[in-house]
Structure formats: C-alpha cells, structure tokens
C-alpha atoms as a PDB file:
ATOM      1  CA  MET A   1       0.060   0.048   0.089  1.00  0.00           C
ATOM      2  CA  ILE A   2       1.343   3.382  -1.078  1.00  0.00           C
ATOM      3  CA  LEU A   3       0.557   6.668   0.745  1.00  0.00           C
ATOM      4  CA  ARG A   4       0.187  10.032  -0.883  1.00  0.00           C
ATOM      5  CA  PHE A   5      -1.336  13.366   0.147  1.00  0.00           C
ATOM      6  CA  CYS A   6      -4.233  15.003  -1.759  1.00  0.00           C
ATOM      7  CA  PRO A   7      -3.768  18.681  -2.325  1.00  0.00           C
ATOM      8  CA  ARG A   8      -7.315  19.423  -1.387  1.00  0.00           C
ATOM      9  CA  PRO A   9     -10.322  17.691   0.307  1.00  0.00           C
ATOM     10  CA  PRO A  10     -12.061  15.047  -1.562  1.00  0.00           C
ATOM     11  CA  CYS A  11     -14.461  16.086  -4.313  1.00  0.00           C
ATOM     12  CA  ALA A  12     -16.602  14.409  -6.984  1.00  0.00           C
ATOM     13  CA  PHE A  13     -13.484  14.338  -9.233  1.00  0.00           C
ATOM     14  CA  HIS A  14     -11.624  12.149  -6.749  1.00  0.00           C
ATOM     15  CA  ARG A  15     -14.398   9.850  -6.253  1.00  0.00           C
ATOM     16  CA  ARG A  16     -14.799   9.211 -10.009  1.00  0.00           C
ATOM     17  CA  SER A  17     -13.147   6.127 -11.206  1.00  0.00           C
ATOM     18  CA  PRO A  18     -10.609   6.656 -13.850  1.00  0.00           C
ATOM     19  CA  ARG A  19     -10.589   4.739 -17.236  1.00  0.00           C
ATOM     20  CA  PRO A  20      -8.989   1.255 -17.045  1.00  0.00           C
ATOM     21  CA  PRO A  21      -5.402   1.066 -18.387  1.00  0.00           C
ATOM     22  CA  PRO A  22      -4.956  -0.759 -21.770  1.00  0.00           C
ATOM     23  CA  ALA A  23      -4.465  -4.547 -21.461  1.00  0.00           C
ATOM     24  CA  GLY A  24      -0.985  -5.624 -20.520  1.00  0.00           C
ATOM     25  CA  THR A  25       0.057  -2.293 -19.007  1.00  0.00           C
ATOM     26  CA  SER A  26      -0.269  -0.993 -15.517  1.00  0.00           C
ATOM     27  CA  ARG A  27      -1.155   2.525 -14.405  1.00  0.00           C
ATOM     28  CA  PRO A  28       1.767   4.386 -12.835  1.00  0.00           C
ATOM     29  CA  VAL A  29       1.073   6.019  -9.472  1.00  0.00           C
ATOM     30  CA  PRO A  30       1.895   9.695  -9.560  1.00  0.00           C
ATOM     31  CA  THR A  31       4.809  10.759  -7.229  1.00  0.00           C
ATOM     32  CA  THR A  32       3.684  14.124  -6.421  1.00  0.00           C
ATOM     33  CA  PRO A  33       5.428  15.806  -3.449  1.00  0.00           C
ATOM     34  CA  ALA A  34       3.298  15.584  -0.273  1.00  0.00           C
ATOM     35  CA  PRO A  35       1.709  19.001   0.369  1.00  0.00           C
ATOM     36  CA  SER A  36       1.069  20.236   3.770  1.00  0.00           C
ATOM     37  CA  HIS A  37      -2.718  19.393   3.683  1.00  0.00           C
ATOM     38  CA  THR A  38      -4.541  17.341   6.026  1.00  0.00           C
ATOM     39  CA  HIS A  39      -6.328  14.862   3.759  1.00  0.00           C
ATOM     40  CA  LEU A  40      -4.768  11.569   2.963  1.00  0.00           C
ATOM     41  CA  SER A  41      -5.588   9.263   0.149  1.00  0.00           C
ATOM     42  CA  THR A  42      -4.973   5.532   0.245  1.00  0.00           C
ATOM     43  CA  VAL A  43      -4.231   4.044  -3.237  1.00  0.00           C
ATOM     44  CA  LEU A  44      -4.832   0.257  -3.292  1.00  0.00           C
ATOM     45  CA  PRO A  45      -2.600  -1.511  -5.972  1.00  0.00           C
ATOM     46  CA  GLY A  46      -4.684  -3.077  -8.739  1.00  0.00           C
ATOM     47  CA  SER A  47      -7.892  -1.415  -7.645  1.00  0.00           C
ATOM     48  CA  GLY A  48      -7.742   1.281 -10.273  1.00  0.00           C
ATOM     49  CA  TYR A  49      -9.229   4.043  -7.896  1.00  0.00           C
ATOM     50  CA  ALA A  50      -8.165   5.728  -4.807  1.00  0.00           C
ATOM     51  CA  ARG A  51      -9.920   5.270  -1.574  1.00  0.00           C
ATOM     52  CA  GLU A  52      -9.799   8.356   0.639  1.00  0.00           C
ATOM     53  CA  ARG A  53      -9.886   8.794   4.324  1.00  0.00           C
ATOM     54  CA  PRO A  54      -9.178  11.913   6.296  1.00  0.00           C
ATOM     55  CA  VAL A  55      -6.243  11.994   8.616  1.00  0.00           C
ATOM     56  CA  TYR A  56      -5.887  14.856  11.163  1.00  0.00           C
ATOM     57  CA  GLY A  57      -2.362  15.873  11.254  1.00  0.00           C
ATOM     58  CA  THR A  58       0.547  16.296   8.801  1.00  0.00           C
ATOM     59  CA  LEU A  59       2.571  13.329   7.679  1.00  0.00           C
ATOM     60  CA  ALA A  60       5.654  13.143   5.401  1.00  0.00           C
ATOM     61  CA  VAL A  61       5.967  10.300   2.846  1.00  0.00           C
ATOM     62  CA  GLY A  62       7.011   7.180   4.595  1.00  0.00           C
ATOM     63  CA  GLN A  63       6.447   8.391   8.004  1.00  0.00           C
ATOM     64  CA  GLU A  64       4.239   6.232  10.128  1.00  0.00           C
ATOM     65  CA  LYS A  65       1.176   7.733  11.639  1.00  0.00           C
ATOM     66  CA  ARG A  66       1.784   8.294  15.142  1.00  0.00           C
ATOM     67  CA  ARG A  67      -1.164   8.060  17.480  1.00  0.00           C
ATOM     68  CA  THR A  68      -1.408  11.029  19.639  1.00  0.00           C
ATOM     69  CA  ARG A  69      -3.635  11.901  22.500  1.00  0.00           C
ATOM     70  CA  PRO A  70      -6.319  14.435  21.911  1.00  0.00           C
ATOM     71  CA  ARG A  71      -5.450  17.941  22.881  1.00  0.00           C
ATOM     72  CA  ARG A  72      -6.630  18.387  26.307  1.00  0.00           C
ATOM     73  CA  LEU A  73      -8.506  21.729  26.882  1.00  0.00           C
ATOM     74  CA  ASN A  74      -7.145  24.228  29.402  1.00  0.00           C
ATOM     75  CA  ARG A  75      -8.877  23.122  32.516  1.00  0.00           C
ATOM     76  CA  PRO A  76      -9.701  26.024  34.953  1.00  0.00           C
ATOM     77  CA  ARG A  77      -7.746  25.908  37.965  1.00  0.00           C
ATOM     78  CA  ALA A  78      -9.210  25.100  41.414  1.00  0.00           C
ATOM     79  CA  ASN A  79      -9.762  28.556  42.555  1.00  0.00           C
ATOM     80  CA  GLN A  80     -11.672  29.462  39.428  1.00  0.00           C
ATOM     81  CA  TYR A  81     -14.451  27.171  40.613  1.00  0.00           C
ATOM     82  CA  ILE A  82     -15.106  29.367  43.601  1.00  0.00           C
ATOM     83  CA  VAL A  83     -18.506  30.943  43.121  1.00  0.00           C
ATOM     84  CA  ILE A  84     -19.215  34.152  44.828  1.00  0.00           C
ATOM     85  CA  MET A  85     -22.414  33.512  46.534  1.00  0.00           C
ATOM     86  CA  THR A  86     -24.865  36.325  47.773  1.00  0.00           C
ATOM     87  CA  GLU A  87     -25.557  36.466  51.502  1.00  0.00           C
ATOM     88  CA  ILE A  88     -28.079  34.023  52.469  1.00  0.00           C
ATOM     89  CA  LYS A  89     -30.166  35.509  55.077  1.00  0.00           C
ATOM     90  CA  SER A  90     -32.089  33.493  57.607  1.00  0.00           C
ATOM     91  CA  ALA A  91     -35.842  33.750  58.025  1.00  0.00           C
ATOM     92  CA  LEU A  92     -35.229  35.523  61.399  1.00  0.00           C
ATOM     93  CA  GLU A  93     -33.086  38.157  59.720  1.00  0.00           C
ATOM     94  CA  ILE A  94     -35.723  38.773  56.921  1.00  0.00           C
ATOM     95  CA  ALA A  95     -38.403  38.977  59.537  1.00  0.00           C
ATOM     96  CA  LEU A  96     -36.404  41.525  61.547  1.00  0.00           C
ATOM     97  CA  GLU A  97     -35.908  43.590  58.309  1.00  0.00           C
ATOM     98  CA  ARG A  98     -39.595  43.629  57.535  1.00  0.00           C
ATOM     99  CA  THR A  99     -40.396  44.680  61.116  1.00  0.00           C
ATOM    100  CA  ARG A 100     -37.977  47.501  60.855  1.00  0.00           C
ATOM    101  CA  ASP A 101     -39.511  48.656  57.657  1.00  0.00           C
ATOM    102  CA  ILE A 102     -42.946  48.526  59.226  1.00  0.00           C
ATOM    103  CA  LYS A 103     -41.716  50.553  62.182  1.00  0.00           C
ATOM    104  CA  GLY A 104     -40.314  53.175  59.778  1.00  0.00           C
ATOM    105  CA  ASP A 105     -43.545  53.377  57.873  1.00  0.00           C
ATOM    106  CA  LYS A 106     -45.425  53.821  61.273  1.00  0.00           C
ATOM    107  CA  GLN A 107     -43.039  56.682  62.124  1.00  0.00           C
ATOM    108  CA  THR A 108     -43.634  58.244  58.703  1.00  0.00           C
ATOM    109  CA  LEU A 109     -47.363  57.778  58.978  1.00  0.00           C
ATOM    110  CA  THR A 110     -47.457  59.346  62.539  1.00  0.00           C
ATOM    111  CA  ALA A 111     -45.358  62.287  61.447  1.00  0.00           C
ATOM    112  CA  ASN A 112     -47.668  63.016  58.503  1.00  0.00           C
ATOM    113  CA  GLU A 113     -50.813  62.796  60.677  1.00  0.00           C
ATOM    114  CA  ARG A 114     -49.437  65.205  63.165  1.00  0.00           C
ATOM    115  CA  ARG A 115     -48.425  67.648  60.496  1.00  0.00           C
ATOM    116  CA  ASN A 116     -51.816  67.457  58.846  1.00  0.00           C
ATOM    117  CA  PHE A 117     -53.317  68.043  62.417  1.00  0.00           C
ATOM    118  CA  GLY A 118     -51.068  71.224  62.739  1.00  0.00           C
ATOM    119  CA  LYS A 119     -52.271  72.470  59.360  1.00  0.00           C
ATOM    120  CA  ARG A 120     -55.814  72.000  60.248  1.00  0.00           C
ATOM    121  CA  VAL A 121     -55.393  73.985  63.397  1.00  0.00           C
ATOM    122  CA  ALA A 122     -53.721  76.758  61.396  1.00  0.00           C
ATOM    123  CA  SER A 123     -56.615  76.889  58.944  1.00  0.00           C
ATOM    124  CA  ARG A 124     -59.164  77.015  61.692  1.00  0.00           C
ATOM    125  CA  TYR A 125     -57.114  79.758  63.482  1.00  0.00           C
ATOM    126  CA  LEU A 126     -57.058  81.923  60.367  1.00  0.00           C
ATOM    127  CA  ASN A 127     -60.688  81.257  59.364  1.00  0.00           C
ATOM    128  CA  PRO A 128     -62.642  80.510  62.583  1.00  0.00           C
ATOM    129  CA  ALA A 129     -65.852  79.455  61.056  1.00  0.00           C
ATOM    130  CA  ASP A 130     -66.815  77.773  64.203  1.00  0.00           C
ATOM    131  CA  GLY A 131     -65.582  80.214  66.596  1.00  0.00           C
ATOM    132  CA  PRO A 132     -62.077  81.337  67.866  1.00  0.00           C
ATOM    133  CA  VAL A 133     -59.537  78.556  68.355  1.00  0.00           C
ATOM    134  CA  ASP A 134     -57.586  78.122  71.685  1.00  0.00           C
ATOM    135  CA  LEU A 135     -54.157  78.008  69.878  1.00  0.00           C
ATOM    136  CA  VAL A 136     -52.163  77.111  73.234  1.00  0.00           C
ATOM    137  CA  LYS A 137     -54.410  74.383  73.943  1.00  0.00           C
ATOM    138  CA  GLU A 138     -54.335  72.874  70.495  1.00  0.00           C
ATOM    139  CA  LEU A 139     -50.598  72.965  70.083  1.00  0.00           C
ATOM    140  CA  LYS A 140     -50.077  71.268  73.487  1.00  0.00           C
ATOM    141  CA  LYS A 141     -52.393  68.150  72.660  1.00  0.00           C
ATOM    142  CA  TYR A 142     -49.127  66.351  71.598  1.00  0.00           C
ATOM    143  CA  ALA A 143     -45.741  66.397  73.451  1.00  0.00           C
ATOM    144  CA  GLY A 144     -42.325  65.450  72.330  1.00  0.00           C
ATOM    145  CA  GLN A 145     -41.626  64.639  68.790  1.00  0.00           C
ATOM    146  CA  GLU A 146     -45.133  64.450  67.810  1.00  0.00           C
ATOM    147  CA  GLY A 147     -45.678  67.969  69.119  1.00  0.00           C
ATOM    148  CA  ASP A 148     -42.870  69.158  66.881  1.00  0.00           C
ATOM    149  CA  TYR A 149     -44.641  67.592  63.947  1.00  0.00           C
ATOM    150  CA  VAL A 150     -47.850  69.514  64.983  1.00  0.00           C
ATOM    151  CA  ARG A 151     -46.077  72.920  65.272  1.00  0.00           C
ATOM    152  CA  GLU A 152     -44.230  72.210  61.940  1.00  0.00           C
ATOM    153  CA  GLY A 153     -47.547  71.707  60.029  1.00  0.00           C
ATOM    154  CA  PHE A 154     -48.959  74.699  61.811  1.00  0.00           C
ATOM    155  CA  PHE A 155     -45.856  76.927  60.800  1.00  0.00           C
ATOM    156  CA  GLN A 156     -46.128  75.687  57.040  1.00  0.00           C
ATOM    157  CA  THR A 157     -49.728  76.805  56.756  1.00  0.00           C
ATOM    158  CA  ILE A 158     -49.204  80.111  58.466  1.00  0.00           C
ATOM    159  CA  THR A 159     -46.366  81.169  56.370  1.00  0.00           C
ATOM    160  CA  ALA A 160     -48.105  79.964  53.123  1.00  0.00           C
ATOM    161  CA  ASN A 161     -50.828  82.667  53.907  1.00  0.00           C
ATOM    162  CA  LEU A 162     -48.221  85.390  54.183  1.00  0.00           C
ATOM    163  CA  SER A 163     -48.557  86.919  50.753  1.00  0.00           C
ATOM    164  CA  LEU A 164     -48.626  90.373  49.164  1.00  0.00           C
ATOM    165  CA  PRO A 165     -51.939  92.243  49.762  1.00  0.00           C
ATOM    166  CA  SER A 166     -54.285  93.471  47.156  1.00  0.00           C
ATOM    167  CA  ASP A 167     -55.660  96.324  49.291  1.00  0.00           C
ATOM    168  CA  GLY A 168     -55.226  98.006  52.548  1.00  0.00           C
ATOM    169  CA  SER A 169     -57.432  95.671  54.571  1.00  0.00           C
ATOM    170  CA  TYR A 170     -54.424  93.235  55.116  1.00  0.00           C
ATOM    171  CA  ARG A 171     -53.345  94.486  58.575  1.00  0.00           C
ATOM    172  CA  ASP A 172     -55.915  92.558  60.552  1.00  0.00           C
ATOM    173  CA  SER A 173     -54.812  89.199  58.862  1.00  0.00           C
ATOM    174  CA  LEU A 174     -51.175  90.214  59.128  1.00  0.00           C
ATOM    175  CA  LYS A 175     -51.495  90.747  62.884  1.00  0.00           C
ATOM    176  CA  LYS A 176     -53.223  87.266  63.224  1.00  0.00           C
ATOM    177  CA  ILE A 177     -50.352  85.608  61.376  1.00  0.00           C
ATOM    178  CA  GLU A 178     -47.789  87.387  63.662  1.00  0.00           C
ATOM    179  CA  THR A 179     -49.710  86.120  66.721  1.00  0.00           C
ATOM    180  CA  GLY A 180     -49.947  82.674  65.466  1.00  0.00           C
ATOM    181  CA  LEU A 181     -46.054  82.491  64.588  1.00  0.00           C
ATOM    182  CA  ALA A 182     -45.264  83.817  68.057  1.00  0.00           C
ATOM    183  CA  GLY A 183     -46.862  80.817  69.571  1.00  0.00           C
ATOM    184  CA  VAL A 184     -44.490  78.387  67.824  1.00  0.00           C
ATOM    185  CA  ILE A 185     -41.318  80.574  67.612  1.00  0.00           C
ATOM    186  CA  LYS A 186     -39.247  81.327  70.843  1.00  0.00           C
ATOM    187  CA  GLU A 187     -37.812  84.591  69.656  1.00  0.00           C
ATOM    188  CA  ARG A 188     -41.038  86.482  69.965  1.00  0.00           C
ATOM    189  CA  ARG A 189     -39.402  89.984  70.018  1.00  0.00           C
ATOM    190  CA  GLN A 190     -37.537  89.361  66.738  1.00  0.00           C
ATOM    191  CA  VAL A 191     -40.847  88.214  65.242  1.00  0.00           C
ATOM    192  CA  GLY A 192     -42.564  91.387  66.264  1.00  0.00           C
ATOM    193  CA  TYR A 193     -39.691  93.419  64.806  1.00  0.00           C
ATOM    194  CA  LEU A 194     -39.848  91.554  61.532  1.00  0.00           C
ATOM    195  CA  PHE A 195     -43.592  91.819  61.162  1.00  0.00           C
ATOM    196  CA  HIS A 196     -43.272  95.604  61.759  1.00  0.00           C
ATOM    197  CA  GLN A 197     -40.952  95.791  58.777  1.00  0.00           C
ATOM    198  CA  ILE A 198     -43.378  93.418  56.749  1.00  0.00           C
ATOM    199  CA  ASP A 199     -46.193  95.950  57.485  1.00  0.00           C
ATOM    200  CA  GLN A 200     -44.260  98.752  56.187  1.00  0.00           C
ATOM    201  CA  PHE A 201     -43.155  96.698  53.165  1.00  0.00           C
ATOM    202  CA  PHE A 202     -46.746  95.771  52.303  1.00  0.00           C
ATOM    203  CA  ASP A 203     -47.848  99.531  52.496  1.00  0.00           C
ATOM    204  CA  GLN A 204     -45.067 100.326  50.216  1.00  0.00           C
ATOM    205  CA  TYR A 205     -46.087  97.714  47.754  1.00  0.00           C
ATOM    206  CA  LEU A 206     -49.694  98.967  47.611  1.00  0.00           C
ATOM    207  CA  LYS A 207     -48.467 102.558  47.004  1.00  0.00           C
ATOM    208  CA  ALA A 208     -46.091 101.259  44.157  1.00  0.00           C
ATOM    209  CA  ARG A 209     -49.150  99.576  42.551  1.00  0.00           C
ATOM    210  CA  GLU A 210     -51.028 102.691  42.534  1.00  0.00           C
ATOM    211  CA  GLN A 211     -48.131 104.784  41.240  1.00  0.00           C
ATOM    212  CA  VAL A 212     -47.665 102.275  38.388  1.00  0.00           C
ATOM    213  CA  THR A 213     -51.265 102.236  37.458  1.00  0.00           C
ATOM    214  CA  GLU A 214     -51.533 106.039  37.349  1.00  0.00           C
ATOM    215  CA  GLN A 215     -48.366 106.362  35.273  1.00  0.00           C
ATOM    216  CA  LEU A 216     -49.583 103.831  32.779  1.00  0.00           C
ATOM    217  CA  LYS A 217     -52.994 105.554  32.497  1.00  0.00           C
ATOM    218  CA  GLN A 218     -51.264 109.030  31.715  1.00  0.00           C
ATOM    219  CA  GLN A 219     -49.124 107.237  28.941  1.00  0.00           C
ATOM    220  CA  TYR A 220     -52.109 105.483  27.454  1.00  0.00           C
ATOM    221  CA  GLU A 221     -54.398 108.515  27.477  1.00  0.00           C
ATOM    222  CA  PRO A 222     -53.684 109.715  23.777  1.00  0.00           C
ATOM    223  CA  GLN A 223     -54.251 106.249  22.502  1.00  0.00           C
ATOM    224  CA  LEU A 224     -57.567 106.106  24.198  1.00  0.00           C
ATOM    225  CA  ARG A 225     -58.696 109.450  23.052  1.00  0.00           C
ATOM    226  CA  GLU A 226     -57.703 108.435  19.540  1.00  0.00           C
ATOM    227  CA  LYS A 227     -59.981 105.268  19.832  1.00  0.00           C
ATOM    228  CA  GLU A 228     -62.749 107.578  20.944  1.00  0.00           C
ATOM    229  CA  ARG A 229     -62.618 109.738  17.856  1.00  0.00           C
ATOM    230  CA  GLN A 230     -62.621 106.641  15.525  1.00  0.00           C
ATOM    231  CA  LEU A 231     -65.633 105.146  17.240  1.00  0.00           C
ATOM    232  CA  ALA A 232     -67.484 108.449  17.143  1.00  0.00           C
ATOM    233  CA  LYS A 233     -66.757 108.806  13.376  1.00  0.00           C
ATOM    234  CA  GLN A 234     -67.983 105.244  12.745  1.00  0.00           C
ATOM    235  CA  MET A 235     -71.163 105.360  14.969  1.00  0.00           C
ATOM    236  CA  GLY A 236     -72.008 109.191  14.496  1.00  0.00           C
ATOM    237  CA  ALA A 237     -72.343 109.696  18.164  1.00  0.00           C
ATOM    238  CA  GLN A 238     -70.014 110.718  20.958  1.00  0.00           C
ATOM    239  CA  ILE A 239     -68.168 107.803  22.690  1.00  0.00           C
ATOM    240  CA  GLN A 240     -66.412 107.881  26.062  1.00  0.00           C
ATOM    241  CA  LEU A 241     -63.935 105.283  27.024  1.00  0.00           C
ATOM    242  CA  THR A 242     -62.131 104.433  30.302  1.00  0.00           C
ATOM    243  CA  PRO A 243     -58.863 102.696  30.716  1.00  0.00           C
ATOM    244  CA  GLU A 244     -60.485  99.805  32.619  1.00  0.00           C
ATOM    245  CA  SER A 245     -62.806  99.204  29.630  1.00  0.00           C
ATOM    246  CA  ASP A 246     -60.116  98.898  27.115  1.00  0.00           C
ATOM    247  CA  PRO A 247     -58.655  95.272  26.730  1.00  0.00           C
ATOM    248  CA  GLU A 248     -55.256  96.513  25.462  1.00  0.00           C
ATOM    249  CA  PHE A 249     -54.834  98.697  28.428  1.00  0.00           C
ATOM    250  CA  MET A 250     -55.766  96.124  30.889  1.00  0.00           C
ATOM    251  CA  ASN A 251     -53.365  93.643  29.193  1.00  0.00           C
ATOM    252  CA  LEU A 252     -50.592  96.291  29.542  1.00  0.00           C
ATOM    253  CA  LEU A 253     -51.374  97.037  33.080  1.00  0.00           C
ATOM    254  CA  SER A 254     -51.267  93.300  34.017  1.00  0.00           C
ATOM    255  CA  LYS A 255     -47.917  92.834  32.681  1.00  0.00           C
ATOM    256  CA  ASN A 256     -46.436  95.744  34.551  1.00  0.00           C
ATOM    257  CA  LEU A 257     -48.090  94.736  37.854  1.00  0.00           C
ATOM    258  CA  ALA A 258     -46.769  91.269  37.399  1.00  0.00           C
ATOM    259  CA  ARG A 259     -43.182  92.598  37.056  1.00  0.00           C
ATOM    260  CA  LEU A 260     -43.745  94.771  40.195  1.00  0.00           C
ATOM    261  CA  GLU A 261     -45.281  91.864  42.097  1.00  0.00           C
ATOM    262  CA  GLU A 262     -42.213  89.504  41.221  1.00  0.00           C
ATOM    263  CA  GLN A 263     -39.807  92.089  42.682  1.00  0.00           C
ATOM    264  CA  TYR A 264     -41.657  92.500  45.817  1.00  0.00           C
ATOM    265  CA  ASN A 265     -42.130  88.723  46.270  1.00  0.00           C
ATOM    266  CA  GLN A 266     -38.372  88.240  46.162  1.00  0.00           C
ATOM    267  CA  ALA A 267     -38.060  90.387  49.215  1.00  0.00           C
ATOM    268  CA  LEU A 268     -40.958  88.705  50.907  1.00  0.00           C
ATOM    269  CA  ARG A 269     -39.253  85.265  50.476  1.00  0.00           C
ATOM    270  CA  GLN A 270     -36.271  86.685  52.346  1.00  0.00           C
ATOM    271  CA  ALA A 271     -38.562  87.550  55.194  1.00  0.00           C
ATOM    272  CA  LYS A 272     -39.957  84.032  54.989  1.00  0.00           C
ATOM    273  CA  ASP A 273     -36.568  82.537  55.058  1.00  0.00           C
ATOM    274  CA  GLU A 274     -35.805  84.512  58.202  1.00  0.00           C
ATOM    275  CA  LEU A 275     -38.848  83.113  59.917  1.00  0.00           C
ATOM    276  CA  SER A 276     -37.949  79.639  58.930  1.00  0.00           C
ATOM    277  CA  ARG A 277     -34.510  80.122  60.603  1.00  0.00           C
ATOM    278  CA  MET A 278     -36.246  81.366  63.738  1.00  0.00           C
ATOM    279  CA  PHE A 279     -38.587  78.368  63.783  1.00  0.00           C
ATOM    280  CA  ALA A 280     -35.608  75.916  63.331  1.00  0.00           C
ATOM    281  CA  ALA A 281     -33.593  77.495  66.181  1.00  0.00           C
ATOM    282  CA  ARG A 282     -36.551  76.571  68.510  1.00  0.00           C
ATOM    283  CA  LYS A 283     -35.854  72.852  68.158  1.00  0.00           C
END
C-alpha cells in the first residue's frame, strides 16, 4: 500500500473512477510531493481507484502515523471554581428587616398625621368659622416629637398665607399671622420686629401699585382718545372710553403689575426664610 497526500479535500473528481488502463499495461502511480494538507488518500494497488480517508495531522511520505492523544482543553484552576454567593439571610433576619420597615412606615405615618393636624389647626385659626380657636391648647395636645410635627405643620400653613396684599385691609390678617407664629417661635421679640417691617413693606407695595397704574393711564391717554374719535366717526355719536374698559390697556397693566409683584415677592421670600430660621432655632 502506497500513501500519498491529496492537495485538497475529496470532491466528485476524486471519487470518479478513472478509465481502466490498456491490457497488458499498468497505471503508474503519480509521485507528487506531499503538500501540507490534512487529507490522505490510500491508493490500493490493482484497484484502479483511490479510496480516501481523512487524517488529522501532517505526515511526510514514508512516515508512520503516530497515534497522539487528543489535545486536552485548558482546565480551569481550582480557585476558578469558587462561586461568589450572595449573602443567604435566615428567616429571622428577613423577619427583622420587615419589622424594621414597618416601624419606619409607622413613624412616617405618625409624622404626616401630626403635621396634617397642625395644618388643620392653622386653617381654623385663620378662618374661625366655628368660633375662635384656643391656639395654646391645640398646640399642646401632643408632646415630644409628635408635638414638633404639629408645630411644623402649623408653621407651614401660617407662612403660606403670608402673601402680598391686594388692598389696605391686610393689617388684621397680618396681625393674626404674627400672633400665630409667636406661639411656635421662641424669639417673639424678633418676630414682632420682623412683622413691623413687613407691615411697612406691604404698605409700600400698595403705593407702588397705585403709582404704576396712574403712570400707565397717563401714558395710554392719547391712544384712548384716538380710539374715541374713531368710534365716534363710525357710529356718528360721542363715545367715552375708560382705561379699565379697554382690553389693550388692561393687558398692558397686568404685565407691569406682574413685574412689580415679582420684585416684591423676592423680598418677601427673604422674610419667610428668616422666619424659617427662627422656627428651626426653636428645636
């Protein structure tokens, strides 16, 4: 048996049987140099065809096939089998964690209830529909941490009602707010001094509104008279317009008053921040 290497894998051409040689002659076996391919053909003398079988590896002519052990894959080391496991908690630990969450939820629920109670006290204090409210008694219904939550809700509602006035009837409500805040802030003298400044500040704001309105009316007067003349020409009768009845003037006035209100609100927010600082110092 003679071994030779095929230059490429078997195909239909290799599997086709060649023509038989003429009688009395023998077909010479080609002596092609063995290429470095991995397919081996076994030529059987006298058979007239080549039977092919794959061989894994590279053999030279005349070299015996050496049985080699299959290549062993790289096995991971022992420390690579270590699995990082998450912490397995016992049933007792899980139960304790759930209990802790329930306790936290109860504390949050209690705090919200006490704050809401303080807000309701402040609302009844500012709008006593059912009669006057005994503020000292209401604020002392709860002691300790719960009492702090009540006062916190009361403070939030009272300061939320501290806003720029629309007319000169603000003084009564402002005095009521001052009295209410004095019940939850220790620095009562500073509270009184601050509200004295707020009173002057509100009075200045109302005067500024009147001044802006009057100046805008004077500036808009020529345009208003021109509209009167055009309407009188169209309708054949004398028409008298006022700035308050003119949509264009009211739109212009609203924009100017909004800018003024924003400027004064910035100063009012500073006063509220000072009240918050006083309230926090009480704790």
